[in-house]
Each structure stands twice: as C-alpha cells, then as structure tokens.
Amino acid sequence: MERPSRAAWAILLLGGIVLLAGGAAAVAVGLFNPGLISSQLPPEAEVDAAAVGGAAVALGVATVLLGIVHIGTAMALRLGIRIAKTAAVVVASTMAVLSLGFAVAAVVSIASGAAPPIYMVPAAVGLGAAVIGYAVATAVVIGAGGEPI
C-alpha cells in the first residue's frame, strides 16, 4: 500500500490527542467536581450534581475511546497497514460532518442568544478548523494512489 502523505496521519494524530485530553478532562470534572457543570444549568433544570457528573464521565470515556480510534488509525496509516486507508476515510469524513454540525449549532446558539458568545465563538472557530482538517485528511487519503479504498 502506498502511504498517504504525512498530513493525513498528522491530522488524525492531533485529533486523537485533543480528544484524549478533552475526554480525560470531562472524566476528571465528572468525578471530582460535578457541581462545576451542574452550576451552569438553568435553575428550572432539576438535575442533581451526581447525575450531571455521571453523564460527564460517560461522555468523557466515549471521547477517550474515539481519541484512541483516531490514534490507532493514524498509526495504522503510518505503518502502511492495508485497511488503514478505509478506516482513515471513514473516521475523517464522519468527524468532518459531525464537526460541521456542531459548528453550525454553536453559531446558531450565538445568533439566538441561547449561549454566551464568550463560549461559543471559540467553539465555532475550533470546530470550523476541525472541519477543514478532517476534510483535508479525507481528500489526501482518497487522493493517494494505490489500491482502491
């Protein structure tokens, strides 16, 4: 298998590292300070801190697992493992679509006043960068010569 350029595996590796860090942070906050998250909920939301902490831990674990998938796919690409191109296209294209959806949601939250711009503008910008990065990774892997994906 011809190896795709370093851009594809670097983007997947970077995405994996970011997801690992974010997931670990969510798990830590969920376990050690769930009140930090529950204090951000509106008063009419009748959810106790323990439930919010449990949800943060569950989402954090899922995010860590997604980060591991990213890093595994990046390493498989780097090593030239046969199925790696397929996995890279699936992961990168799916993440591009998800990132686009979340970026649009952040912009809508800003426009509607549902969330403070101080939180949503950086989220929208970061997610926009993720869309571009994942789209580039997908295009690079698809454009790489060799056997069909």
N, C-alpha and C. Protein backbone atom coordinates (compact mmCIF):
# COMPACT_ATOMS: atom_id res chain seq x y z
N MET A 1 0.85 -1.18 0.00
CA MET A 1 0.00 0.00 0.00
C MET A 1 0.89 1.23 0.00
N GLU A 2 0.61 2.15 -0.91
CA GLU A 2 1.31 3.42 -0.90
C GLU A 2 0.83 4.23 0.29
N ARG A 3 1.74 4.78 1.03
CA ARG A 3 1.37 5.53 2.22
C ARG A 3 0.92 6.93 1.85
N PRO A 4 -0.22 7.38 2.40
CA PRO A 4 -0.64 8.76 2.17
C PRO A 4 0.36 9.73 2.79
N SER A 5 0.25 10.98 2.42
CA SER A 5 1.17 11.97 2.94
C SER A 5 1.09 12.05 4.46
N ARG A 6 2.05 12.71 5.03
CA ARG A 6 2.09 12.86 6.47
C ARG A 6 0.92 13.70 6.99
N ALA A 7 0.32 14.50 6.13
CA ALA A 7 -0.78 15.36 6.56
C ALA A 7 -1.94 14.56 7.14
N ALA A 8 -2.30 13.47 6.48
CA ALA A 8 -3.45 12.69 6.93
C ALA A 8 -3.21 12.09 8.31
N TRP A 9 -2.07 11.44 8.49
CA TRP A 9 -1.85 10.82 9.80
C TRP A 9 -1.60 11.87 10.87
N ALA A 10 -1.00 13.01 10.50
CA ALA A 10 -0.77 14.07 11.48
C ALA A 10 -2.09 14.67 11.97
N ILE A 11 -3.03 14.86 11.05
CA ILE A 11 -4.34 15.40 11.42
C ILE A 11 -5.08 14.42 12.32
N LEU A 12 -5.05 13.14 11.97
CA LEU A 12 -5.71 12.14 12.81
C LEU A 12 -5.03 12.01 14.16
N LEU A 13 -3.71 12.07 14.19
CA LEU A 13 -2.98 12.01 15.45
C LEU A 13 -3.31 13.21 16.33
N LEU A 14 -3.30 14.40 15.75
CA LEU A 14 -3.64 15.61 16.51
C LEU A 14 -5.07 15.54 17.03
N GLY A 15 -5.99 15.11 16.18
CA GLY A 15 -7.38 14.95 16.62
C GLY A 15 -7.49 13.96 17.76
N GLY A 16 -6.75 12.87 17.68
CA GLY A 16 -6.75 11.87 18.75
C GLY A 16 -6.23 12.42 20.06
N ILE A 17 -5.16 13.19 19.99
CA ILE A 17 -4.59 13.78 21.20
C ILE A 17 -5.56 14.77 21.84
N VAL A 18 -6.19 15.61 21.01
CA VAL A 18 -7.17 16.58 21.51
C VAL A 18 -8.35 15.84 22.15
N LEU A 19 -8.83 14.80 21.49
CA LEU A 19 -9.95 14.03 22.04
C LEU A 19 -9.57 13.33 23.34
N LEU A 20 -8.37 12.78 23.42
CA LEU A 20 -7.92 12.15 24.66
C LEU A 20 -7.87 13.16 25.80
N ALA A 21 -7.32 14.33 25.53
CA ALA A 21 -7.21 15.36 26.57
C ALA A 21 -8.59 15.85 27.01
N GLY A 22 -9.46 16.10 26.03
CA GLY A 22 -10.81 16.57 26.36
C GLY A 22 -11.60 15.52 27.12
N GLY A 23 -11.49 14.28 26.69
CA GLY A 23 -12.20 13.20 27.38
C GLY A 23 -11.70 13.00 28.79
N ALA A 24 -10.39 13.05 28.96
CA ALA A 24 -9.82 12.92 30.31
C ALA A 24 -10.27 14.06 31.21
N ALA A 25 -10.34 15.27 30.66
CA ALA A 25 -10.81 16.42 31.44
C ALA A 25 -12.27 16.24 31.84
N ALA A 26 -13.09 15.75 30.92
CA ALA A 26 -14.51 15.53 31.24
C ALA A 26 -14.67 14.48 32.33
N VAL A 27 -13.89 13.41 32.25
CA VAL A 27 -13.94 12.37 33.28
C VAL A 27 -13.52 12.96 34.62
N ALA A 28 -12.44 13.74 34.62
CA ALA A 28 -11.95 14.32 35.87
C ALA A 28 -12.98 15.25 36.50
N VAL A 29 -13.57 16.12 35.69
CA VAL A 29 -14.58 17.04 36.23
C VAL A 29 -15.80 16.26 36.71
N GLY A 30 -16.22 15.26 35.95
CA GLY A 30 -17.37 14.46 36.35
C GLY A 30 -17.16 13.71 37.65
N LEU A 31 -15.94 13.25 37.88
CA LEU A 31 -15.64 12.51 39.09
C LEU A 31 -15.38 13.41 40.30
N PHE A 32 -14.63 14.47 40.08
CA PHE A 32 -14.14 15.25 41.22
C PHE A 32 -14.86 16.57 41.46
N ASN A 33 -15.57 17.10 40.46
CA ASN A 33 -16.25 18.38 40.66
C ASN A 33 -17.50 18.48 39.79
N PRO A 34 -18.47 17.59 39.96
CA PRO A 34 -19.68 17.65 39.12
C PRO A 34 -20.50 18.92 39.35
N GLY A 35 -20.32 19.55 40.50
CA GLY A 35 -21.03 20.80 40.77
C GLY A 35 -20.62 21.92 39.83
N LEU A 36 -19.41 21.84 39.30
CA LEU A 36 -18.94 22.85 38.35
C LEU A 36 -19.83 22.86 37.11
N ILE A 37 -20.22 21.69 36.65
CA ILE A 37 -21.08 21.60 35.46
C ILE A 37 -22.53 21.90 35.84
N SER A 38 -23.02 21.32 36.91
CA SER A 38 -24.43 21.50 37.26
C SER A 38 -24.73 22.94 37.63
N SER A 39 -23.75 23.70 38.07
CA SER A 39 -23.98 25.12 38.39
C SER A 39 -24.23 25.96 37.13
N GLN A 40 -23.87 25.41 35.97
CA GLN A 40 -24.08 26.13 34.71
C GLN A 40 -25.48 25.90 34.12
N LEU A 41 -26.21 24.96 34.70
CA LEU A 41 -27.56 24.66 34.21
C LEU A 41 -28.54 25.72 34.71
N PRO A 42 -29.61 25.96 33.95
CA PRO A 42 -30.62 26.91 34.42
C PRO A 42 -31.32 26.39 35.68
N PRO A 43 -31.86 27.30 36.50
CA PRO A 43 -32.47 26.87 37.76
C PRO A 43 -33.64 25.90 37.58
N GLU A 44 -34.36 26.01 36.48
CA GLU A 44 -35.51 25.12 36.28
C GLU A 44 -35.11 23.70 35.91
N ALA A 45 -33.84 23.47 35.63
CA ALA A 45 -33.36 22.12 35.33
C ALA A 45 -33.14 21.41 36.66
N GLU A 46 -33.98 20.45 36.93
CA GLU A 46 -33.92 19.74 38.21
C GLU A 46 -33.10 18.46 38.07
N VAL A 47 -31.80 18.66 37.94
CA VAL A 47 -30.88 17.53 37.82
C VAL A 47 -29.83 17.70 38.90
N ASP A 48 -29.61 16.64 39.67
CA ASP A 48 -28.63 16.77 40.74
C ASP A 48 -27.20 16.64 40.19
N ALA A 49 -26.26 17.11 40.98
CA ALA A 49 -24.86 17.15 40.55
C ALA A 49 -24.32 15.76 40.25
N ALA A 50 -24.75 14.76 41.01
CA ALA A 50 -24.25 13.40 40.78
C ALA A 50 -24.65 12.89 39.39
N ALA A 51 -25.87 13.18 38.97
CA ALA A 51 -26.32 12.76 37.64
C ALA A 51 -25.53 13.46 36.54
N VAL A 52 -25.30 14.75 36.74
CA VAL A 52 -24.51 15.51 35.76
C VAL A 52 -23.08 14.98 35.72
N GLY A 53 -22.53 14.66 36.88
CA GLY A 53 -21.18 14.09 36.92
C GLY A 53 -21.11 12.75 36.22
N GLY A 54 -22.12 11.91 36.41
CA GLY A 54 -22.15 10.62 35.73
C GLY A 54 -22.23 10.77 34.22
N ALA A 55 -23.01 11.73 33.77
CA ALA A 55 -23.10 11.98 32.33
C ALA A 55 -21.76 12.48 31.78
N ALA A 56 -21.09 13.33 32.54
CA ALA A 56 -19.77 13.83 32.11
C ALA A 56 -18.76 12.70 32.02
N VAL A 57 -18.79 11.79 32.97
CA VAL A 57 -17.88 10.65 32.95
C VAL A 57 -18.17 9.78 31.73
N ALA A 58 -19.43 9.49 31.47
CA ALA A 58 -19.80 8.65 30.32
C ALA A 58 -19.36 9.30 29.00
N LEU A 59 -19.63 10.58 28.85
CA LEU A 59 -19.21 11.28 27.63
C LEU A 59 -17.69 11.35 27.52
N GLY A 60 -17.03 11.55 28.65
CA GLY A 60 -15.57 11.59 28.65
C GLY A 60 -14.96 10.26 28.23
N VAL A 61 -15.50 9.17 28.74
CA VAL A 61 -14.99 7.84 28.36
C VAL A 61 -15.21 7.61 26.87
N ALA A 62 -16.37 7.97 26.35
CA ALA A 62 -16.64 7.81 24.92
C ALA A 62 -15.67 8.67 24.09
N THR A 63 -15.38 9.85 24.57
CA THR A 63 -14.45 10.74 23.86
C THR A 63 -13.04 10.17 23.88
N VAL A 64 -12.62 9.62 25.01
CA VAL A 64 -11.31 8.97 25.09
C VAL A 64 -11.23 7.80 24.11
N LEU A 65 -12.28 7.00 24.05
CA LEU A 65 -12.29 5.87 23.11
C LEU A 65 -12.19 6.35 21.67
N LEU A 66 -12.88 7.44 21.34
CA LEU A 66 -12.79 8.00 20.00
C LEU A 66 -11.37 8.50 19.72
N GLY A 67 -10.74 9.08 20.72
CA GLY A 67 -9.35 9.50 20.57
C GLY A 67 -8.43 8.32 20.30
N ILE A 68 -8.67 7.22 20.98
CA ILE A 68 -7.87 6.01 20.76
C ILE A 68 -8.07 5.49 19.34
N VAL A 69 -9.29 5.54 18.84
CA VAL A 69 -9.55 5.13 17.45
C VAL A 69 -8.78 6.02 16.49
N HIS A 70 -8.79 7.33 16.75
CA HIS A 70 -8.02 8.26 15.90
C HIS A 70 -6.54 7.90 15.88
N ILE A 71 -5.97 7.71 17.07
CA ILE A 71 -4.54 7.43 17.16
C ILE A 71 -4.21 6.08 16.54
N GLY A 72 -5.05 5.08 16.76
CA GLY A 72 -4.85 3.78 16.14
C GLY A 72 -4.90 3.86 14.62
N THR A 73 -5.83 4.63 14.11
CA THR A 73 -5.94 4.80 12.66
C THR A 73 -4.72 5.54 12.11
N ALA A 74 -4.29 6.57 12.82
CA ALA A 74 -3.11 7.32 12.38
C ALA A 74 -1.88 6.42 12.34
N MET A 75 -1.71 5.61 13.38
CA MET A 75 -0.55 4.72 13.42
C MET A 75 -0.63 3.65 12.32
N ALA A 76 -1.83 3.14 12.07
CA ALA A 76 -2.00 2.15 11.00
C ALA A 76 -1.67 2.75 9.64
N LEU A 77 -2.07 4.01 9.43
CA LEU A 77 -1.71 4.70 8.19
C LEU A 77 -0.20 4.83 8.07
N ARG A 78 0.41 5.22 9.15
CA ARG A 78 1.86 5.44 9.16
C ARG A 78 2.62 4.14 8.88
N LEU A 79 2.08 3.04 9.39
CA LEU A 79 2.74 1.74 9.21
C LEU A 79 2.38 1.08 7.88
N GLY A 80 1.42 1.65 7.16
CA GLY A 80 1.04 1.10 5.87
C GLY A 80 0.16 -0.13 5.95
N ILE A 81 -0.57 -0.29 7.02
CA ILE A 81 -1.47 -1.44 7.16
C ILE A 81 -2.59 -1.32 6.14
N ARG A 82 -2.93 -2.43 5.53
CA ARG A 82 -3.83 -2.46 4.38
C ARG A 82 -5.17 -1.76 4.58
N ILE A 83 -5.86 -2.02 5.64
CA ILE A 83 -7.20 -1.49 5.85
C ILE A 83 -7.18 -0.05 6.38
N ALA A 84 -6.01 0.48 6.65
CA ALA A 84 -5.88 1.80 7.28
C ALA A 84 -6.50 2.91 6.44
N LYS A 85 -6.36 2.83 5.12
CA LYS A 85 -6.94 3.89 4.29
C LYS A 85 -8.46 3.93 4.43
N THR A 86 -9.08 2.78 4.46
CA THR A 86 -10.53 2.73 4.64
C THR A 86 -10.93 3.32 5.98
N ALA A 87 -10.24 2.90 7.02
CA ALA A 87 -10.54 3.40 8.36
C ALA A 87 -10.33 4.91 8.43
N ALA A 88 -9.26 5.39 7.81
CA ALA A 88 -8.97 6.83 7.85
C ALA A 88 -10.06 7.63 7.14
N VAL A 89 -10.51 7.15 6.01
CA VAL A 89 -11.58 7.87 5.28
C VAL A 89 -12.88 7.86 6.10
N VAL A 90 -13.21 6.72 6.69
CA VAL A 90 -14.43 6.64 7.49
C VAL A 90 -14.35 7.57 8.70
N VAL A 91 -13.25 7.50 9.44
CA VAL A 91 -13.11 8.33 10.64
C VAL A 91 -13.08 9.81 10.27
N ALA A 92 -12.24 10.18 9.32
CA ALA A 92 -12.08 11.61 8.99
C ALA A 92 -13.34 12.20 8.37
N SER A 93 -13.99 11.48 7.48
CA SER A 93 -15.19 12.05 6.85
C SER A 93 -16.34 12.14 7.85
N THR A 94 -16.47 11.14 8.72
CA THR A 94 -17.51 11.20 9.74
C THR A 94 -17.26 12.35 10.70
N MET A 95 -16.02 12.53 11.12
CA MET A 95 -15.69 13.62 12.03
C MET A 95 -15.86 14.99 11.36
N ALA A 96 -15.62 15.07 10.06
CA ALA A 96 -15.84 16.34 9.36
C ALA A 96 -17.31 16.72 9.40
N VAL A 97 -18.17 15.75 9.14
CA VAL A 97 -19.62 16.02 9.16
C VAL A 97 -20.09 16.37 10.57
N LEU A 98 -19.64 15.61 11.57
CA LEU A 98 -20.02 15.90 12.95
C LEU A 98 -19.51 17.28 13.40
N SER A 99 -18.28 17.59 13.04
CA SER A 99 -17.72 18.89 13.42
C SER A 99 -18.48 20.03 12.76
N LEU A 100 -18.89 19.84 11.51
CA LEU A 100 -19.68 20.86 10.83
C LEU A 100 -21.01 21.07 11.54
N GLY A 101 -21.67 19.99 11.90
CA GLY A 101 -22.94 20.10 12.61
C GLY A 101 -22.81 20.83 13.93
N PHE A 102 -21.76 20.51 14.69
CA PHE A 102 -21.55 21.18 15.97
C PHE A 102 -21.15 22.64 15.78
N ALA A 103 -20.39 22.94 14.73
CA ALA A 103 -20.02 24.34 14.45
C ALA A 103 -21.27 25.16 14.12
N VAL A 104 -22.15 24.59 13.31
CA VAL A 104 -23.41 25.28 12.98
C VAL A 104 -24.24 25.48 14.24
N ALA A 105 -24.30 24.47 15.11
CA ALA A 105 -25.04 24.61 16.36
C ALA A 105 -24.46 25.72 17.23
N ALA A 106 -23.15 25.85 17.26
CA ALA A 106 -22.51 26.91 18.04
C ALA A 106 -22.87 28.28 17.48
N VAL A 107 -22.86 28.41 16.16
CA VAL A 107 -23.21 29.70 15.54
C VAL A 107 -24.68 30.02 15.79
N VAL A 108 -25.55 29.04 15.70
CA VAL A 108 -26.97 29.26 15.98
C VAL A 108 -27.17 29.66 17.44
N SER A 109 -26.43 29.06 18.35
CA SER A 109 -26.52 29.42 19.76
C SER A 109 -26.11 30.87 19.98
N ILE A 110 -25.11 31.31 19.25
CA ILE A 110 -24.68 32.71 19.35
C ILE A 110 -25.77 33.62 18.81
N ALA A 111 -26.29 33.29 17.63
CA ALA A 111 -27.29 34.14 16.98
C ALA A 111 -28.58 34.22 17.77
N SER A 112 -28.98 33.13 18.40
CA SER A 112 -30.24 33.12 19.14
C SER A 112 -30.10 33.64 20.56
N GLY A 113 -28.88 33.82 21.01
CA GLY A 113 -28.65 34.27 22.38
C GLY A 113 -28.81 33.16 23.40
N ALA A 114 -28.85 31.91 22.95
CA ALA A 114 -29.03 30.77 23.86
C ALA A 114 -27.79 30.50 24.70
N ALA A 115 -26.64 30.91 24.21
CA ALA A 115 -25.39 30.68 24.94
C ALA A 115 -24.51 31.92 24.79
N PRO A 116 -23.69 32.19 25.78
CA PRO A 116 -22.81 33.36 25.70
C PRO A 116 -21.78 33.22 24.59
N PRO A 117 -21.60 34.28 23.81
CA PRO A 117 -20.60 34.23 22.73
C PRO A 117 -19.19 33.92 23.22
N ILE A 118 -18.88 34.27 24.47
CA ILE A 118 -17.54 34.01 25.00
C ILE A 118 -17.21 32.52 24.98
N TYR A 119 -18.24 31.67 25.07
CA TYR A 119 -18.04 30.22 24.99
C TYR A 119 -18.17 29.70 23.56
N MET A 120 -19.11 30.25 22.83
CA MET A 120 -19.47 29.66 21.54
C MET A 120 -18.59 30.11 20.38
N VAL A 121 -18.04 31.32 20.42
CA VAL A 121 -17.18 31.77 19.32
C VAL A 121 -15.92 30.89 19.23
N PRO A 122 -15.20 30.66 20.35
CA PRO A 122 -14.04 29.76 20.23
C PRO A 122 -14.44 28.35 19.80
N ALA A 123 -15.60 27.88 20.27
CA ALA A 123 -16.06 26.55 19.86
C ALA A 123 -16.31 26.51 18.36
N ALA A 124 -17.00 27.53 17.85
CA ALA A 124 -17.30 27.56 16.41
C ALA A 124 -16.03 27.64 15.58
N VAL A 125 -15.06 28.44 16.02
CA VAL A 125 -13.80 28.57 15.28
C VAL A 125 -13.02 27.26 15.33
N GLY A 126 -12.92 26.66 16.50
CA GLY A 126 -12.20 25.39 16.62
C GLY A 126 -12.85 24.29 15.81
N LEU A 127 -14.17 24.24 15.85
CA LEU A 127 -14.87 23.21 15.08
C LEU A 127 -14.75 23.47 13.58
N GLY A 128 -14.74 24.74 13.18
CA GLY A 128 -14.52 25.06 11.77
C GLY A 128 -13.14 24.59 11.31
N ALA A 129 -12.14 24.79 12.16
CA ALA A 129 -10.79 24.30 11.83
C ALA A 129 -10.78 22.78 11.75
N ALA A 130 -11.53 22.12 12.63
CA ALA A 130 -11.61 20.66 12.59
C ALA A 130 -12.25 20.18 11.29
N VAL A 131 -13.29 20.88 10.84
CA VAL A 131 -13.93 20.51 9.57
C VAL A 131 -12.91 20.55 8.44
N ILE A 132 -12.15 21.63 8.39
CA ILE A 132 -11.15 21.78 7.33
C ILE A 132 -10.08 20.69 7.44
N GLY A 133 -9.59 20.45 8.66
CA GLY A 133 -8.56 19.44 8.85
C GLY A 133 -9.03 18.05 8.46
N TYR A 134 -10.22 17.68 8.92
CA TYR A 134 -10.73 16.35 8.59
C TYR A 134 -11.03 16.23 7.09
N ALA A 135 -11.51 17.29 6.47
CA ALA A 135 -11.76 17.25 5.02
C ALA A 135 -10.45 17.08 4.26
N VAL A 136 -9.41 17.77 4.71
CA VAL A 136 -8.10 17.61 4.08
C VAL A 136 -7.59 16.18 4.24
N ALA A 137 -7.71 15.64 5.45
CA ALA A 137 -7.27 14.26 5.68
C ALA A 137 -8.01 13.29 4.78
N THR A 138 -9.33 13.47 4.67
CA THR A 138 -10.12 12.60 3.79
C THR A 138 -9.65 12.71 2.35
N ALA A 139 -9.48 13.94 1.87
CA ALA A 139 -9.07 14.15 0.48
C ALA A 139 -7.68 13.58 0.21
N VAL A 140 -6.78 13.73 1.16
CA VAL A 140 -5.41 13.24 0.97
C VAL A 140 -5.41 11.71 0.88
N VAL A 141 -6.17 11.07 1.76
CA VAL A 141 -6.20 9.60 1.75
C VAL A 141 -6.87 9.09 0.48
N ILE A 142 -7.97 9.70 0.10
CA ILE A 142 -8.66 9.27 -1.12
C ILE A 142 -7.77 9.52 -2.35
N GLY A 143 -7.07 10.65 -2.35
CA GLY A 143 -6.23 11.02 -3.48
C GLY A 143 -4.95 10.23 -3.58
N ALA A 144 -4.55 9.56 -2.51
CA ALA A 144 -3.32 8.76 -2.54
C ALA A 144 -3.51 7.59 -3.49
N GLY A 145 -2.51 7.33 -4.27
CA GLY A 145 -2.59 6.24 -5.24
C GLY A 145 -2.63 4.89 -4.56
N GLY A 146 -2.58 3.87 -5.33
CA GLY A 146 -2.57 2.53 -4.78
C GLY A 146 -3.88 1.83 -5.02
N GLU A 147 -4.11 0.81 -4.21
CA GLU A 147 -5.31 0.01 -4.39
C GLU A 147 -6.56 0.80 -3.98
N PRO A 148 -7.73 0.35 -4.40
CA PRO A 148 -8.96 1.05 -4.05
C PRO A 148 -9.20 1.02 -2.55
N ILE A 149 -9.93 2.02 -2.11
CA ILE A 149 -10.29 2.11 -0.70
C ILE A 149 -11.40 1.16 -0.48
